[in-house]
C-alpha cells in the first residue's frame, strides 16, 4: 500500500530487478492507482512497461525530450507494421510500413523467414533517435 496517497506519484524504474510475478503485481498496483485518478510520472528503460502502463509517453534522447504523446499516436508517426527478415549477409532488416497491405506485399517479395508485426514503442524510439535501447 502507498501511504499517504499522493495525487502525483513519481516512480523511477519501479520494476528494475523484479522477478516476473512481482513485476506483474507492481503493474497491477500502478493500474489501480491510475483508476483512482492519481497522476503517475514513471521513468523506465523497459519500453513494454511504458506501452502497457502509460497514457502518454515521452521519449528522451541525449537529455532532450524529442516526442511526447499517447503510445498509439507515437506509433502512427513511424507506421503501423514492421516487416522483419534476414538479408543474404545475415543482417536483420526491419522495414516499417504504413498499412497491412503494404506490409504483406513486401513480405510476399521476400524469401522464407519473414515476420510481419505491429509497430511498438521500441520501433518509435529507434526511428526517432537512431539508437537501439540498451
N, C-alpha and C. Protein backbone atom coordinates (compact mmCIF):
# COMPACT_ATOMS: atom_id res chain seq x y z
N UNK A 1 0.84 -1.19 0.00
CA UNK A 1 0.00 0.00 0.00
C UNK A 1 0.88 1.24 0.00
N UNK A 2 0.39 2.27 -0.65
CA UNK A 2 1.11 3.54 -0.72
C UNK A 2 0.46 4.51 0.26
N UNK A 3 1.18 4.88 1.31
CA UNK A 3 0.65 5.80 2.31
C UNK A 3 1.59 6.98 2.45
N UNK A 4 1.12 8.19 2.57
CA UNK A 4 -0.25 8.56 2.23
C UNK A 4 -0.48 8.43 0.73
N UNK A 5 -1.66 8.73 0.28
CA UNK A 5 -1.99 8.55 -1.13
C UNK A 5 -1.88 9.89 -1.85
N UNK A 6 -0.70 10.19 -2.39
CA UNK A 6 -0.49 11.48 -3.05
C UNK A 6 -1.25 11.57 -4.37
N UNK A 7 -1.56 12.79 -4.79
CA UNK A 7 -2.23 12.98 -6.08
C UNK A 7 -1.27 12.80 -7.24
N UNK A 8 0.02 13.04 -7.01
CA UNK A 8 1.06 12.81 -8.02
C UNK A 8 2.09 11.88 -7.41
N UNK A 9 2.38 10.81 -8.14
CA UNK A 9 3.33 9.81 -7.66
C UNK A 9 4.46 9.68 -8.67
N UNK A 10 5.69 9.84 -8.23
CA UNK A 10 6.86 9.71 -9.09
C UNK A 10 7.49 8.34 -8.86
N UNK A 11 7.60 7.55 -9.93
CA UNK A 11 8.20 6.21 -9.85
C UNK A 11 9.39 6.16 -10.80
N UNK A 12 10.56 5.95 -10.25
CA UNK A 12 11.79 5.90 -11.04
C UNK A 12 12.24 4.44 -11.16
N UNK A 13 12.06 3.88 -12.35
CA UNK A 13 12.45 2.49 -12.62
C UNK A 13 11.88 1.53 -11.56
N UNK A 14 10.56 1.53 -11.34
CA UNK A 14 9.99 0.75 -10.23
C UNK A 14 10.11 -0.76 -10.37
N UNK A 15 10.26 -1.27 -11.58
CA UNK A 15 10.27 -2.73 -11.73
C UNK A 15 11.66 -3.29 -12.04
N UNK A 16 12.67 -2.46 -11.97
CA UNK A 16 14.02 -2.95 -12.29
C UNK A 16 14.43 -4.02 -11.27
N UNK A 17 14.90 -5.13 -11.78
CA UNK A 17 15.37 -6.21 -10.93
C UNK A 17 14.30 -7.09 -10.31
N UNK A 18 13.03 -6.84 -10.63
CA UNK A 18 11.96 -7.65 -10.06
C UNK A 18 11.75 -8.92 -10.87
N UNK A 19 11.36 -10.00 -10.18
CA UNK A 19 11.02 -11.21 -10.93
C UNK A 19 9.66 -10.99 -11.60
N UNK A 20 9.32 -11.79 -12.61
CA UNK A 20 8.09 -11.55 -13.38
C UNK A 20 6.81 -11.49 -12.55
N UNK A 21 6.69 -12.33 -11.53
CA UNK A 21 5.47 -12.34 -10.72
C UNK A 21 5.33 -11.03 -9.93
N UNK A 22 6.39 -10.60 -9.29
CA UNK A 22 6.35 -9.35 -8.52
C UNK A 22 6.16 -8.16 -9.47
N UNK A 23 6.78 -8.23 -10.64
CA UNK A 23 6.62 -7.15 -11.63
C UNK A 23 5.14 -7.00 -12.02
N UNK A 24 4.47 -8.13 -12.24
CA UNK A 24 3.03 -8.07 -12.57
C UNK A 24 2.23 -7.43 -11.44
N UNK A 25 2.57 -7.79 -10.22
CA UNK A 25 1.88 -7.19 -9.08
C UNK A 25 2.11 -5.68 -9.03
N UNK A 26 3.34 -5.27 -9.32
CA UNK A 26 3.67 -3.84 -9.36
C UNK A 26 2.83 -3.15 -10.43
N UNK A 27 2.76 -3.76 -11.63
CA UNK A 27 1.97 -3.18 -12.72
C UNK A 27 0.50 -3.07 -12.32
N UNK A 28 -0.03 -4.10 -11.65
CA UNK A 28 -1.43 -4.06 -11.21
C UNK A 28 -1.65 -2.91 -10.23
N UNK A 29 -0.70 -2.70 -9.32
CA UNK A 29 -0.82 -1.59 -8.36
C UNK A 29 -0.78 -0.25 -9.08
N UNK A 30 0.07 -0.13 -10.08
CA UNK A 30 0.14 1.12 -10.85
C UNK A 30 -1.19 1.35 -11.57
N UNK A 31 -1.75 0.30 -12.16
CA UNK A 31 -3.05 0.44 -12.84
C UNK A 31 -4.15 0.85 -11.86
N UNK A 32 -4.17 0.26 -10.67
CA UNK A 32 -5.17 0.64 -9.66
C UNK A 32 -5.02 2.11 -9.27
N UNK A 33 -3.79 2.54 -9.14
CA UNK A 33 -3.51 3.94 -8.79
C UNK A 33 -4.03 4.87 -9.88
N UNK A 34 -3.85 4.49 -11.14
CA UNK A 34 -4.38 5.29 -12.26
C UNK A 34 -5.91 5.36 -12.20
N UNK A 35 -6.54 4.21 -11.94
CA UNK A 35 -8.01 4.16 -11.89
C UNK A 35 -8.54 5.08 -10.79
N UNK A 36 -7.79 5.20 -9.71
CA UNK A 36 -8.18 6.09 -8.60
C UNK A 36 -8.07 7.56 -8.98
N UNK A 37 -7.52 7.84 -10.16
CA UNK A 37 -7.45 9.21 -10.64
C UNK A 37 -6.17 9.94 -10.27
N UNK A 38 -5.21 9.22 -9.73
CA UNK A 38 -3.95 9.87 -9.38
C UNK A 38 -3.00 9.87 -10.57
N UNK A 39 -2.15 10.87 -10.62
CA UNK A 39 -1.17 11.02 -11.70
C UNK A 39 0.10 10.28 -11.33
N UNK A 40 0.64 9.55 -12.30
CA UNK A 40 1.89 8.82 -12.09
C UNK A 40 2.89 9.29 -13.14
N UNK A 41 4.06 9.71 -12.67
CA UNK A 41 5.17 10.02 -13.57
C UNK A 41 6.13 8.84 -13.42
N UNK A 42 6.29 8.09 -14.51
CA UNK A 42 7.06 6.85 -14.49
C UNK A 42 8.26 6.97 -15.41
N UNK A 43 9.45 6.70 -14.87
CA UNK A 43 10.63 6.61 -15.73
C UNK A 43 10.99 5.14 -15.85
N UNK A 44 11.30 4.71 -17.08
CA UNK A 44 11.63 3.31 -17.30
C UNK A 44 12.46 3.16 -18.56
N UNK A 45 13.31 2.15 -18.55
CA UNK A 45 14.01 1.75 -19.77
C UNK A 45 13.29 0.58 -20.44
N UNK A 46 12.27 0.04 -19.76
CA UNK A 46 11.51 -1.07 -20.30
C UNK A 46 10.38 -0.52 -21.17
N UNK A 47 10.59 -0.55 -22.46
CA UNK A 47 9.62 0.03 -23.39
C UNK A 47 8.26 -0.64 -23.26
N UNK A 48 8.24 -1.96 -23.08
CA UNK A 48 6.95 -2.66 -22.95
C UNK A 48 6.21 -2.20 -21.70
N UNK A 49 6.94 -1.78 -20.68
CA UNK A 49 6.33 -1.26 -19.46
C UNK A 49 5.63 0.07 -19.75
N UNK A 50 6.30 0.95 -20.45
CA UNK A 50 5.70 2.24 -20.83
C UNK A 50 4.47 2.01 -21.71
N UNK A 51 4.59 1.08 -22.65
CA UNK A 51 3.49 0.81 -23.57
C UNK A 51 2.27 0.25 -22.83
N UNK A 52 2.52 -0.60 -21.83
CA UNK A 52 1.43 -1.24 -21.09
C UNK A 52 0.77 -0.32 -20.07
N UNK A 53 1.52 0.63 -19.51
CA UNK A 53 1.01 1.38 -18.37
C UNK A 53 0.70 2.85 -18.62
N UNK A 54 1.28 3.43 -19.65
CA UNK A 54 1.24 4.89 -19.77
C UNK A 54 0.19 5.39 -20.76
N UNK A 55 -0.48 6.48 -20.38
CA UNK A 55 -1.41 7.16 -21.28
C UNK A 55 -0.66 8.08 -22.22
N UNK A 56 0.46 8.62 -21.74
CA UNK A 56 1.34 9.46 -22.57
C UNK A 56 2.77 9.02 -22.31
N UNK A 57 3.57 9.07 -23.37
CA UNK A 57 4.96 8.64 -23.28
C UNK A 57 5.84 9.75 -23.81
N UNK A 58 6.88 10.06 -23.05
CA UNK A 58 7.90 10.99 -23.51
C UNK A 58 9.14 10.21 -23.89
N UNK A 59 9.73 10.55 -25.02
CA UNK A 59 10.97 9.90 -25.45
C UNK A 59 12.10 10.92 -25.31
N UNK A 60 13.11 10.52 -24.56
CA UNK A 60 14.28 11.36 -24.33
C UNK A 60 15.46 10.82 -25.12
N UNK A 61 16.23 11.73 -25.68
CA UNK A 61 17.47 11.36 -26.37
C UNK A 61 18.52 12.40 -26.03
N UNK A 62 19.61 11.94 -25.48
CA UNK A 62 20.71 12.82 -25.10
C UNK A 62 20.24 13.98 -24.21
N UNK A 63 19.34 13.66 -23.28
CA UNK A 63 18.87 14.64 -22.32
C UNK A 63 17.79 15.58 -22.82
N UNK A 64 17.30 15.36 -24.04
CA UNK A 64 16.27 16.24 -24.61
C UNK A 64 15.00 15.45 -24.89
N UNK A 65 13.86 16.08 -24.61
CA UNK A 65 12.57 15.48 -24.92
C UNK A 65 12.33 15.65 -26.42
N UNK A 66 12.23 14.54 -27.15
CA UNK A 66 12.05 14.64 -28.60
C UNK A 66 10.65 14.25 -29.06
N UNK A 67 9.87 13.63 -28.17
CA UNK A 67 8.49 13.28 -28.51
C UNK A 67 7.70 13.10 -27.23
N UNK A 68 6.43 13.49 -27.27
CA UNK A 68 5.53 13.33 -26.13
C UNK A 68 4.12 13.19 -26.67
N UNK A 69 3.54 12.01 -26.48
CA UNK A 69 2.18 11.77 -26.99
C UNK A 69 1.68 10.43 -26.46
N UNK A 70 0.45 10.10 -26.81
CA UNK A 70 -0.11 8.79 -26.48
C UNK A 70 0.66 7.72 -27.26
N UNK A 71 0.81 6.52 -26.69
CA UNK A 71 1.54 5.47 -27.40
C UNK A 71 1.04 5.23 -28.82
N UNK A 72 -0.27 5.17 -29.01
CA UNK A 72 -0.81 4.93 -30.35
C UNK A 72 -0.44 6.05 -31.31
N UNK A 73 -0.46 7.28 -30.85
CA UNK A 73 -0.09 8.41 -31.70
C UNK A 73 1.39 8.37 -32.06
N UNK A 74 2.22 7.99 -31.10
CA UNK A 74 3.65 7.87 -31.39
C UNK A 74 3.91 6.78 -32.42
N UNK A 75 3.20 5.66 -32.29
CA UNK A 75 3.38 4.56 -33.25
C UNK A 75 2.92 4.97 -34.64
N UNK A 76 1.90 5.80 -34.71
CA UNK A 76 1.40 6.26 -36.02
C UNK A 76 2.42 7.13 -36.74
N UNK A 77 3.34 7.74 -36.00
CA UNK A 77 4.39 8.56 -36.61
C UNK A 77 5.25 7.73 -37.56
N UNK A 78 5.57 6.52 -37.14
CA UNK A 78 6.52 5.70 -37.93
C UNK A 78 5.84 4.71 -38.86
N UNK A 79 4.61 4.35 -38.61
CA UNK A 79 3.92 3.37 -39.43
C UNK A 79 3.33 2.29 -38.54
N UNK A 80 2.39 1.56 -39.10
CA UNK A 80 1.62 0.62 -38.29
C UNK A 80 2.26 -0.76 -38.19
N UNK A 81 3.01 -1.17 -39.21
CA UNK A 81 3.55 -2.53 -39.25
C UNK A 81 5.05 -2.53 -39.51
N UNK A 82 5.72 -3.58 -39.03
CA UNK A 82 7.14 -3.79 -39.28
C UNK A 82 7.30 -5.14 -39.96
N UNK A 83 8.05 -5.15 -41.06
CA UNK A 83 8.40 -6.39 -41.74
C UNK A 83 9.87 -6.67 -41.42
N UNK A 84 10.13 -7.85 -40.86
CA UNK A 84 11.49 -8.21 -40.47
C UNK A 84 11.94 -9.43 -41.28
N UNK A 85 13.20 -9.38 -41.74
CA UNK A 85 13.77 -10.53 -42.43
C UNK A 85 15.29 -10.46 -42.34
N UNK A 86 15.93 -11.55 -42.63
CA UNK A 86 17.39 -11.63 -42.61
C UNK A 86 17.88 -11.51 -44.05
N UNK A 87 18.80 -10.57 -44.28
CA UNK A 87 19.34 -10.42 -45.64
C UNK A 87 20.37 -11.52 -45.92
N UNK A 88 20.81 -11.65 -47.18
CA UNK A 88 21.77 -12.72 -47.52
C UNK A 88 23.06 -12.69 -46.69
N UNK A 89 23.42 -11.52 -46.18
CA UNK A 89 24.62 -11.41 -45.35
C UNK A 89 24.39 -11.75 -43.88
N UNK A 90 23.15 -12.12 -43.53
CA UNK A 90 22.84 -12.50 -42.16
C UNK A 90 22.41 -11.35 -41.26
N UNK A 91 22.20 -10.17 -41.82
CA UNK A 91 21.81 -8.99 -41.04
C UNK A 91 20.29 -8.90 -40.94
N UNK A 92 19.79 -8.56 -39.74
CA UNK A 92 18.35 -8.35 -39.55
C UNK A 92 17.96 -7.03 -40.19
N UNK A 93 16.98 -7.09 -41.08
CA UNK A 93 16.45 -5.90 -41.74
C UNK A 93 15.03 -5.68 -41.23
N UNK A 94 14.72 -4.43 -40.89
CA UNK A 94 13.38 -4.07 -40.44
C UNK A 94 12.88 -2.93 -41.32
N UNK A 95 11.75 -3.16 -41.96
CA UNK A 95 11.15 -2.12 -42.79
C UNK A 95 9.78 -1.79 -42.22
N UNK A 96 9.54 -0.51 -42.01
CA UNK A 96 8.28 -0.06 -41.43
C UNK A 96 7.32 0.30 -42.55
N UNK A 97 6.07 -0.16 -42.41
CA UNK A 97 5.04 0.04 -43.43
C UNK A 97 3.85 0.77 -42.81
N UNK A 98 3.18 1.56 -43.62
CA UNK A 98 2.05 2.37 -43.13
C UNK A 98 0.76 1.58 -42.97
N UNK A 99 0.59 0.47 -43.69
CA UNK A 99 -0.67 -0.27 -43.63
C UNK A 99 -0.41 -1.75 -43.85
N UNK A 100 -1.39 -2.61 -43.53
CA UNK A 100 -1.17 -4.05 -43.65
C UNK A 100 -0.96 -4.51 -45.09
N UNK A 101 -1.61 -3.86 -46.04
CA UNK A 101 -1.44 -4.25 -47.44
C UNK A 101 0.01 -4.07 -47.88
N UNK A 102 0.59 -2.92 -47.53
CA UNK A 102 1.98 -2.64 -47.88
C UNK A 102 2.91 -3.65 -47.20
N UNK A 103 2.64 -3.96 -45.94
CA UNK A 103 3.48 -4.91 -45.19
C UNK A 103 3.42 -6.30 -45.82
N UNK A 104 2.22 -6.76 -46.15
CA UNK A 104 2.09 -8.10 -46.71
C UNK A 104 2.62 -8.17 -48.13
N UNK A 105 2.51 -7.09 -48.89
CA UNK A 105 3.10 -7.07 -50.24
C UNK A 105 4.62 -7.18 -50.15
N UNK A 106 5.21 -6.47 -49.21
CA UNK A 106 6.66 -6.55 -49.01
C UNK A 106 7.06 -7.96 -48.56
N UNK A 107 6.29 -8.53 -47.66
CA UNK A 107 6.60 -9.88 -47.16
C UNK A 107 6.54 -10.91 -48.28
N UNK A 108 5.60 -10.77 -49.21
CA UNK A 108 5.48 -11.72 -50.33
C UNK A 108 6.68 -11.64 -51.26
N UNK A 109 7.34 -10.49 -51.35
CA UNK A 109 8.50 -10.34 -52.23
C UNK A 109 9.77 -10.95 -51.63
N UNK A 110 9.74 -11.27 -50.37
CA UNK A 110 10.92 -11.82 -49.69
C UNK A 110 10.84 -13.34 -49.63
N UNK A 111 11.96 -13.95 -49.28
CA UNK A 111 12.02 -15.40 -49.11
C UNK A 111 11.40 -15.80 -47.76
N UNK A 112 11.59 -17.05 -47.41
CA UNK A 112 11.10 -17.56 -46.12
C UNK A 112 11.73 -16.80 -44.96
N UNK A 113 11.10 -16.89 -43.81
CA UNK A 113 11.67 -16.27 -42.62
C UNK A 113 11.26 -14.83 -42.42
N UNK A 114 10.22 -14.39 -43.11
CA UNK A 114 9.75 -13.01 -42.97
C UNK A 114 8.72 -12.96 -41.85
N UNK A 115 8.83 -11.95 -41.02
CA UNK A 115 7.86 -11.72 -39.95
C UNK A 115 7.19 -10.37 -40.17
N UNK A 116 5.86 -10.34 -40.04
CA UNK A 116 5.12 -9.08 -40.08
C UNK A 116 4.50 -8.91 -38.70
N UNK A 117 4.74 -7.76 -38.09
CA UNK A 117 4.19 -7.49 -36.76
C UNK A 117 3.77 -6.04 -36.65
N UNK A 118 2.98 -5.77 -35.62
CA UNK A 118 2.56 -4.40 -35.33
C UNK A 118 3.76 -3.61 -34.80
N UNK A 119 3.78 -2.33 -35.10
CA UNK A 119 4.81 -1.43 -34.59
C UNK A 119 4.68 -1.32 -33.07
N UNK A 120 5.80 -1.20 -32.37
CA UNK A 120 5.78 -0.98 -30.93
C UNK A 120 6.59 0.27 -30.59
N UNK A 121 6.60 0.64 -29.33
CA UNK A 121 7.30 1.87 -28.94
C UNK A 121 8.81 1.77 -29.11
N UNK A 122 9.36 0.57 -29.08
CA UNK A 122 10.80 0.43 -29.35
C UNK A 122 11.11 0.85 -30.78
N UNK A 123 10.23 0.49 -31.73
CA UNK A 123 10.41 0.92 -33.13
C UNK A 123 10.38 2.44 -33.22
N UNK A 124 9.47 3.06 -32.47
CA UNK A 124 9.37 4.52 -32.46
C UNK A 124 10.66 5.12 -31.91
N UNK A 125 11.13 4.59 -30.79
CA UNK A 125 12.36 5.09 -30.18
C UNK A 125 13.52 5.03 -31.17
N UNK A 126 13.69 3.88 -31.81
CA UNK A 126 14.80 3.71 -32.76
C UNK A 126 14.65 4.66 -33.94
N UNK A 127 13.45 4.80 -34.45
CA UNK A 127 13.22 5.68 -35.60
C UNK A 127 13.51 7.14 -35.24
N UNK A 128 13.06 7.58 -34.07
CA UNK A 128 13.22 8.98 -33.69
C UNK A 128 14.63 9.33 -33.22
N UNK A 129 15.32 8.37 -32.61
CA UNK A 129 16.64 8.67 -32.05
C UNK A 129 17.79 8.10 -32.86
N UNK A 130 17.49 7.09 -33.67
CA UNK A 130 18.56 6.41 -34.39
C UNK A 130 19.39 5.51 -33.50
N UNK A 131 18.92 5.27 -32.27
CA UNK A 131 19.66 4.47 -31.30
C UNK A 131 18.86 3.25 -30.90
N UNK A 132 19.55 2.17 -30.60
CA UNK A 132 18.92 0.98 -30.03
C UNK A 132 18.82 1.16 -28.52
N UNK A 133 17.84 0.50 -27.92
CA UNK A 133 17.67 0.56 -26.47
C UNK A 133 18.60 -0.47 -25.85
N UNK A 134 19.38 -0.04 -24.87
CA UNK A 134 20.34 -0.94 -24.20
C UNK A 134 19.67 -1.61 -23.03
